[in-house]
Structure formats: C-alpha cells, structure tokens
Protein backbone atom coordinates (compact mmCIF):
# COMPACT_ATOMS: atom_id res chain seq x y z
CA MET A 1 -0.02 0.02 0.04
CA SER A 2 1.45 3.36 -0.96
CA GLU A 3 2.04 6.08 1.72
CA ARG A 4 -0.21 8.59 0.16
CA THR A 5 -3.37 6.46 0.61
CA ASN A 6 -2.38 5.16 4.04
CA PRO A 7 -5.06 6.35 6.47
CA ASN A 8 -2.74 5.67 9.48
CA VAL A 9 -0.16 8.39 8.63
CA VAL A 10 0.69 10.60 11.55
CA HIS A 11 1.50 14.12 10.44
CA ARG A 12 4.23 16.12 12.11
CA PHE A 13 1.88 19.02 13.06
CA PRO A 14 -1.77 18.75 13.93
CA PRO A 15 -4.34 20.34 11.44
CA ARG A 16 -5.09 23.26 13.77
CA VAL A 17 -1.41 24.26 13.68
CA MET A 18 -1.26 24.01 9.91
CA LEU A 19 -4.43 26.17 9.65
CA ALA A 20 -2.95 28.72 11.98
CA VAL A 21 0.33 28.88 10.03
CA PHE A 22 -1.62 29.32 6.83
CA LEU A 23 -3.96 32.07 8.17
CA SER A 24 -1.28 33.99 10.18
CA PRO A 25 0.01 36.15 7.31
CA PHE A 26 -3.48 37.21 6.33
CA ILE A 27 -4.40 38.01 9.94
CA PHE A 28 -1.20 40.01 10.33
CA VAL A 29 -1.89 42.08 7.25
CA ALA A 30 -5.50 42.64 8.36
CA ILE A 31 -4.36 43.82 11.80
CA VAL A 32 -1.75 46.15 10.24
CA GLN A 33 -4.47 47.61 7.96
CA TRP A 34 -6.81 48.08 10.85
CA ILE A 35 -4.19 49.92 13.00
CA ASP A 36 -3.39 52.09 10.01
CA TYR A 37 -7.12 52.86 9.51
CA TYR A 38 -8.03 53.23 13.20
CA PHE A 39 -5.12 55.60 14.11
CA ASP A 40 -5.33 57.52 10.83
CA LEU A 41 -1.71 56.86 9.91
CA HIS A 42 -2.14 56.65 6.14
CA THR A 43 1.06 54.68 5.79
CA ALA A 44 -0.32 51.66 3.90
CA ASN A 45 -2.29 53.74 1.37
CA PRO A 46 -0.97 57.27 1.28
CA MET A 47 -3.15 59.87 -0.44
CA LYS A 48 -1.60 61.48 -3.48
CA PRO A 49 -2.18 65.09 -4.61
CA LYS A 50 -4.80 65.58 -7.24
CA GLN A 51 -3.29 65.46 -10.65
CA TRP A 52 -5.95 67.18 -12.71
CA PRO A 53 -5.64 70.86 -13.51
CA GLY A 54 -7.03 73.17 -10.83
CA ASP A 55 -9.08 76.27 -11.38
CA GLY A 56 -6.97 79.23 -12.55
CA ARG A 57 -3.85 77.20 -13.05
CA VAL A 58 -2.30 76.47 -16.43
CA HIS A 59 -0.68 73.13 -16.50
CA TYR A 60 -0.09 72.88 -20.23
CA THR A 61 -0.10 75.06 -23.26
CA PHE A 62 -0.65 74.20 -26.91
CA GLU A 63 2.01 75.68 -29.17
CA PRO A 64 1.03 76.06 -32.82
CA LEU A 65 3.12 73.98 -35.20
CA ASP A 66 4.64 75.97 -38.07
C-alpha cells in the first residue's frame, strides 16, 4: 500500500497548527491595515495630490506647429 493512501499516517503537526500557520500572514496584514485605519496613519495607502488641472492654473499650453 502506498504512503499517500495510508489512513494511518501521523502528520508532524496537527491540522489546527497547519491552519494557524496558513492564516497567520492574512491575519497579520489585516491587523496592520486596521491599525493604520484606526489611528489614521495613512502609511499603507498614502493619499496622492490631485493630478488634474485646478481652477486658474495652467498646466499645459498648446503651441502652434509652423
């Protein structure tokens, strides 16, 4: 009987530990995002200045081609 179909295989770590190790990076990122949002740090998603032309400001000109 091959080992991959053996129902008596004892794994090194129990399933709850495997699940915890799998979920821990996602939980860590979620906690960091929550701390960033809760304390208004804006480090994970900094706001950029508006890049569209503002009122009364000339950001570009059209030069006529000769």
